[in-house]
Amino acid sequence: MISTAVIISALELGFIYALVAFALFLSFRVLNIADMTTDGSFTLGCAVSATLAVAGHPYIALPAAMLAGACAGCITAALQTRLGVPSILAGIITNTGLYTINLAVMGFSSNVNMMKTVTVFSSFGKLKIIPAAVITIVMGAALVVFLSTRLGLSIRATGDNPDMVRASSINTAFTVTVGLAVSNALTALSGAVLAQYQRAADINLGSGMVIIGLASLIIGETLLRRGKTWVKVLGALVGCILYRFIIAIALRLDLPSECLKLVSAVIVAVAIALPAVRARKGGN
């Protein structure tokens, strides 16, 4: 049986990691770019958040982490739009460089201990789900509103048909830059919240974050296939919470922690293949 504590923990982590799913929805689905900066931006958010929280600024740490993540997204966009580097390679290059930057932010230490540090969760006691849920819901709503603005519509059009957007005299380099900046800001915010949630930051916290985000996003898309932008964002949130429950069940089955990455990969593969399997059955 899964205890109440496990359920609450899955919900808390689901809300926190949902920010990464929102980010990948923007980059992967809206802009149609496979942004590999995600892992590094997540760790960057952790590093900035932990460093500022230890310095006594846990609330300032969150927007600061978002700003740092946005800068990382801008670098990836510049490599892609200004220097002609393919999108995947641009993300990998930025992600590689962020490893050293993240170490520098943490004082060239591989981890930061925050056990005696005041965080944004401190005043909520055991009700950590409240700030986690509020932050994620507010950012999800902000993303929906942003994508409905003129700039947001231009970003969506850039992902759908960049040639048409260029013919309309819209600067695609600008829309890509803004899109990747917002995406990585959300990713960094997720890392910032997680660092304060678990009172620790580690240089390897962002490892595999692309898989986690994609798994959550695809699970949500499988459940909520069609709808407006807010339905798709909601699907990313629901998918992330379900993903955390799947991981919680796997842990309850006493699977070694080393197997979690394999479980994540299997979840992504199954979620991606499910629509094709359904289509074949429908065709038969």
Protein backbone atom coordinates (compact mmCIF):
# COMPACT_ATOMS: atom_id res chain seq x y z
CA MET A 1 0.00 0.00 0.00
CA ILE A 2 1.07 3.56 -0.73
CA SER A 3 1.00 5.72 2.39
CA THR A 4 -0.40 9.24 2.61
CA ALA A 5 3.11 10.60 3.00
CA VAL A 6 4.16 8.99 -0.29
CA ILE A 7 1.11 10.43 -2.06
CA ILE A 8 1.77 13.93 -0.72
CA SER A 9 5.44 13.68 -1.67
CA ALA A 10 4.50 12.58 -5.21
CA LEU A 11 2.13 15.54 -5.51
CA GLU A 12 4.75 17.99 -4.22
CA LEU A 13 7.40 16.74 -6.62
CA GLY A 14 4.84 16.56 -9.41
CA PHE A 15 4.08 20.25 -9.04
CA ILE A 16 7.77 21.16 -8.86
CA TYR A 17 8.84 19.11 -11.89
CA ALA A 18 5.78 20.26 -13.85
CA LEU A 19 7.65 23.51 -14.49
CA VAL A 20 10.11 21.51 -16.59
CA ALA A 21 7.19 19.96 -18.49
CA PHE A 22 5.87 23.50 -19.15
CA ALA A 23 9.31 24.48 -20.42
CA LEU A 24 9.54 21.52 -22.79
CA PHE A 25 6.01 22.16 -23.99
CA LEU A 26 7.16 25.62 -25.04
CA SER A 27 10.43 24.56 -26.67
CA PHE A 28 9.59 21.06 -27.91
CA ARG A 29 5.94 21.45 -28.91
CA VAL A 30 5.43 25.16 -29.58
CA LEU A 31 8.82 26.11 -31.06
CA ASN A 32 9.52 22.61 -32.40
CA ILE A 33 13.08 22.76 -31.01
CA ALA A 34 14.77 19.93 -29.12
CA ASP A 35 16.43 22.07 -26.46
CA MET A 36 19.17 20.11 -24.73
CA THR A 37 19.99 23.02 -22.42
CA THR A 38 17.39 21.69 -19.98
CA ASP A 39 19.70 19.62 -17.76
CA GLY A 40 22.18 22.45 -17.30
CA SER A 41 19.51 25.10 -16.76
CA PHE A 42 17.86 22.99 -14.09
CA THR A 43 21.13 22.63 -12.20
CA LEU A 44 21.82 26.34 -12.70
CA GLY A 45 18.52 27.12 -11.01
CA CYS A 46 19.44 24.80 -8.14
CA ALA A 47 22.86 26.43 -7.74
CA VAL A 48 21.61 30.02 -7.81
CA SER A 49 18.72 29.23 -5.46
CA ALA A 50 20.88 27.40 -2.94
CA THR A 51 23.62 30.02 -2.93
CA LEU A 52 21.21 32.93 -2.40
CA ALA A 53 19.11 31.02 0.16
CA VAL A 54 22.22 30.26 2.21
CA ALA A 55 23.05 33.98 1.99
CA GLY A 56 19.65 34.72 3.52
CA HIS A 57 17.61 35.55 0.39
CA PRO A 58 15.36 32.53 -0.34
CA TYR A 59 12.62 34.56 -2.07
CA ILE A 60 14.98 36.63 -4.21
CA ALA A 61 16.59 33.34 -5.21
CA LEU A 62 13.59 32.30 -7.32
CA PRO A 63 13.48 35.25 -9.78
CA ALA A 64 17.29 35.29 -9.80
CA ALA A 65 17.31 31.64 -10.86
CA MET A 66 14.79 32.41 -13.60
CA LEU A 67 16.98 35.26 -14.86
CA ALA A 68 20.00 32.97 -14.93
CA GLY A 69 18.04 30.32 -16.81
CA ALA A 70 16.81 32.90 -19.31
CA CYS A 71 20.42 33.91 -19.97
CA ALA A 72 21.30 30.27 -20.66
CA GLY A 73 18.40 30.07 -23.10
CA CYS A 74 19.59 33.22 -24.84
CA ILE A 75 23.06 31.72 -25.30
CA THR A 76 21.56 28.59 -26.88
CA ALA A 77 19.38 30.74 -29.13
CA ALA A 78 22.36 32.90 -30.17
CA LEU A 79 24.37 29.81 -31.13
CA GLN A 80 21.43 28.59 -33.17
CA THR A 81 20.20 31.79 -34.82
CA ARG A 82 23.38 33.87 -35.09
CA LEU A 83 26.10 31.27 -35.61
CA GLY A 84 24.14 28.64 -37.50
CA VAL A 85 24.73 25.86 -34.97
CA PRO A 86 22.04 23.12 -35.21
CA SER A 87 19.53 23.39 -32.35
CA ILE A 88 20.46 20.10 -30.68
CA LEU A 89 24.19 20.86 -30.82
CA ALA A 90 23.59 24.41 -29.57
CA GLY A 91 21.83 23.04 -26.49
CA ILE A 92 24.55 20.46 -25.89
CA ILE A 93 27.27 23.11 -26.14
CA THR A 94 25.49 25.40 -23.65
CA ASN A 95 24.75 22.48 -21.35
CA THR A 96 28.41 21.46 -21.35
CA GLY A 97 29.57 24.99 -20.53
CA LEU A 98 27.00 25.32 -17.76
CA TYR A 99 28.66 22.51 -15.81
CA THR A 100 31.62 24.75 -14.98
CA ILE A 101 29.39 27.78 -14.42
CA ASN A 102 27.20 25.82 -12.02
CA LEU A 103 30.25 24.72 -10.06
CA ALA A 104 31.42 28.34 -9.91
CA VAL A 105 28.02 29.52 -8.63
CA MET A 106 28.25 26.95 -5.83
CA GLY A 107 31.73 28.12 -4.90
CA PHE A 108 33.41 25.32 -6.88
CA SER A 109 31.78 22.76 -4.62
CA SER A 110 29.79 19.85 -6.01
CA ASN A 111 26.99 20.39 -3.48
CA VAL A 112 25.48 22.94 -1.10
CA ASN A 113 23.95 21.90 2.22
CA MET A 114 20.88 23.90 3.25
CA MET A 115 19.70 21.96 6.30
CA LYS A 116 19.91 25.02 8.57
CA THR A 117 18.79 27.47 5.91
CA VAL A 118 15.47 29.32 5.82
CA THR A 119 13.64 28.54 2.58
CA VAL A 120 10.34 29.50 0.94
CA PHE A 121 8.91 26.32 2.48
CA SER A 122 10.02 27.06 6.05
CA SER A 123 6.91 28.96 7.14
CA PHE A 124 4.58 26.27 5.78
CA GLY A 125 5.84 23.43 7.99
CA LYS A 126 4.69 20.10 6.59
CA LEU A 127 2.37 21.78 4.06
CA LYS A 128 5.08 22.11 1.43
CA ILE A 129 2.54 21.33 -1.26
CA ILE A 130 1.03 24.82 -0.87
CA PRO A 131 3.97 26.91 -2.16
CA ALA A 132 4.84 24.23 -4.73
CA ALA A 133 1.28 24.22 -6.10
CA VAL A 134 0.90 28.01 -6.02
CA ILE A 135 4.18 28.63 -7.88
CA THR A 136 3.39 26.04 -10.56
CA ILE A 137 -0.24 27.10 -11.08
CA VAL A 138 0.73 30.78 -11.32
CA MET A 139 3.51 30.03 -13.83
CA GLY A 140 1.24 27.74 -15.83
CA ALA A 141 -1.43 30.44 -16.03
CA ALA A 142 1.23 33.02 -16.95
CA LEU A 143 2.47 30.75 -19.76
CA VAL A 144 -1.06 30.38 -21.15
CA VAL A 145 -1.57 34.16 -21.06
CA PHE A 146 1.86 34.77 -22.62
CA LEU A 147 1.16 32.43 -25.54
CA SER A 148 -2.07 34.30 -26.24
CA THR A 149 -0.31 37.66 -26.60
CA ARG A 150 0.92 39.01 -29.92
CA LEU A 151 4.48 37.95 -29.12
CA GLY A 152 3.28 34.55 -27.96
CA LEU A 153 1.31 34.03 -31.15
CA SER A 154 4.42 34.97 -33.15
CA ILE A 155 6.39 32.34 -31.23
CA ARG A 156 3.70 29.74 -31.95
CA ALA A 157 3.71 30.69 -35.62
CA THR A 158 7.50 30.38 -35.72
CA GLY A 159 7.24 26.78 -34.56
CA ASP A 160 4.45 25.99 -37.04
CA ASN A 161 5.84 27.62 -40.16
CA PRO A 162 9.03 29.70 -39.85
CA ASP A 163 9.12 30.48 -43.58
CA MET A 164 5.66 32.05 -43.45
CA VAL A 165 6.68 34.03 -40.36
CA ARG A 166 9.73 35.41 -42.15
CA ALA A 167 7.54 36.35 -45.12
CA SER A 168 5.37 38.29 -42.66
CA SER A 169 8.42 40.38 -41.65
CA ILE A 170 8.61 38.80 -38.19
CA ASN A 171 12.13 38.34 -36.84
CA THR A 172 12.31 34.58 -36.20
CA ALA A 173 15.67 34.94 -34.44
CA PHE A 174 13.95 37.17 -31.88
CA THR A 175 10.96 34.87 -31.36
CA VAL A 176 13.24 31.83 -30.97
CA THR A 177 15.39 33.72 -28.48
CA VAL A 178 12.40 34.81 -26.40
CA GLY A 179 10.90 31.33 -26.52
CA LEU A 180 14.09 29.59 -25.38
CA ALA A 181 14.69 32.25 -22.72
CA VAL A 182 11.22 31.72 -21.23
CA SER A 183 11.58 27.95 -21.50
CA ASN A 184 14.89 27.85 -19.67
CA ALA A 185 13.65 30.36 -17.09
CA LEU A 186 10.87 27.90 -16.21
CA THR A 187 13.37 25.05 -16.05
CA ALA A 188 15.67 27.01 -13.76
CA LEU A 189 12.72 27.94 -11.54
CA SER A 190 11.92 24.24 -11.17
CA GLY A 191 15.48 23.59 -10.07
CA ALA A 192 15.39 26.56 -7.70
CA VAL A 193 12.21 25.33 -6.01
CA LEU A 194 13.51 21.76 -5.80
CA ALA A 195 16.77 22.85 -4.16
CA GLN A 196 14.88 24.68 -1.42
CA TYR A 197 12.34 21.86 -1.13
CA GLN A 198 15.00 19.23 -0.39
CA ARG A 199 17.39 21.68 1.30
CA ALA A 200 20.32 20.67 -0.87
CA ALA A 201 21.81 21.39 -4.28
CA ASP A 202 24.03 19.01 -6.19
CA ILE A 203 25.91 19.41 -9.47
CA ASN A 204 24.20 16.28 -10.84
CA LEU A 205 20.60 17.20 -9.95
CA GLY A 206 19.79 18.12 -13.55
CA SER A 207 20.94 14.82 -15.00
CA GLY A 208 18.16 13.21 -17.04
CA MET A 209 15.81 16.16 -16.66
CA VAL A 210 14.97 16.10 -20.37
CA ILE A 211 13.68 12.54 -20.01
CA ILE A 212 11.60 13.41 -16.94
CA GLY A 213 10.10 16.44 -18.65
CA LEU A 214 9.36 14.59 -21.89
CA ALA A 215 7.83 11.65 -20.03
CA SER A 216 5.51 14.00 -18.14
CA LEU A 217 4.63 15.97 -21.27
CA ILE A 218 3.86 12.91 -23.37
CA ILE A 219 1.80 11.25 -20.63
CA GLY A 220 -0.25 14.43 -20.38
CA GLU A 221 -0.69 14.60 -24.16
CA THR A 222 -1.83 10.98 -24.20
CA LEU A 223 -4.53 11.73 -21.63
CA LEU A 224 -5.57 15.15 -22.98
CA ARG A 225 -4.99 14.82 -26.70
CA ARG A 226 -6.76 17.87 -28.05
CA GLY A 227 -7.74 21.25 -26.75
CA LYS A 228 -6.68 24.84 -26.37
CA THR A 229 -3.36 25.95 -24.98
CA TRP A 230 -4.57 25.86 -21.38
CA VAL A 231 -5.66 22.23 -21.83
CA LYS A 232 -2.20 21.30 -23.09
CA VAL A 233 -0.51 23.09 -20.19
CA LEU A 234 -2.89 21.35 -17.78
CA GLY A 235 -2.02 18.06 -19.47
CA ALA A 236 1.68 18.69 -18.79
CA LEU A 237 0.89 19.22 -15.11
CA VAL A 238 -1.31 16.11 -14.86
CA GLY A 239 1.27 14.06 -16.74
CA CYS A 240 4.02 15.15 -14.36
CA ILE A 241 1.97 14.22 -11.29
CA LEU A 242 1.15 10.81 -12.78
CA TYR A 243 4.82 10.32 -13.63
CA ARG A 244 5.79 10.97 -10.01
CA PHE A 245 3.17 8.45 -8.87
CA ILE A 246 4.63 5.85 -11.25
CA ILE A 247 8.08 6.50 -9.82
CA ALA A 248 6.67 6.27 -6.27
CA ILE A 249 5.11 2.90 -7.09
CA ALA A 250 8.40 1.71 -8.57
CA LEU A 251 10.18 2.67 -5.36
CA ARG A 252 7.53 0.89 -3.29
CA LEU A 253 8.23 -2.24 -5.33
CA ASP A 254 11.79 -2.05 -3.99
CA LEU A 255 13.32 -1.36 -7.38
CA PRO A 256 16.92 -0.14 -6.99
CA SER A 257 17.26 3.61 -7.39
CA GLU A 258 19.72 2.92 -10.20
CA CYS A 259 16.81 1.54 -12.24
CA LEU A 260 14.76 4.75 -12.17
CA LYS A 261 16.39 6.13 -15.31
CA LEU A 262 15.51 2.90 -17.11
CA VAL A 263 11.94 3.17 -15.84
CA SER A 264 11.79 6.76 -17.13
CA ALA A 265 13.08 5.70 -20.54
CA VAL A 266 10.49 2.92 -20.75
CA ILE A 267 7.70 5.35 -19.78
CA VAL A 268 8.75 7.77 -22.55
CA ALA A 269 8.99 4.96 -25.13
CA VAL A 270 5.57 3.58 -24.23
CA ALA A 271 3.93 7.01 -24.19
CA ILE A 272 5.39 7.90 -27.60
CA ALA A 273 4.45 4.54 -29.13
CA LEU A 274 0.91 4.46 -27.72
CA PRO A 275 -0.70 6.77 -30.33
CA ALA A 276 0.87 4.77 -33.16
CA VAL A 277 -0.35 1.49 -31.65
CA ARG A 278 -3.85 2.91 -31.31
CA ALA A 279 -3.79 4.11 -34.92
CA ARG A 280 -2.79 0.64 -36.17
CA LYS A 281 -5.55 -1.01 -34.18
CA GLY A 282 -8.03 1.52 -35.54
CA GLY A 283 -6.83 0.82 -39.06
CA ASN A 284 -7.33 -2.89 -38.60
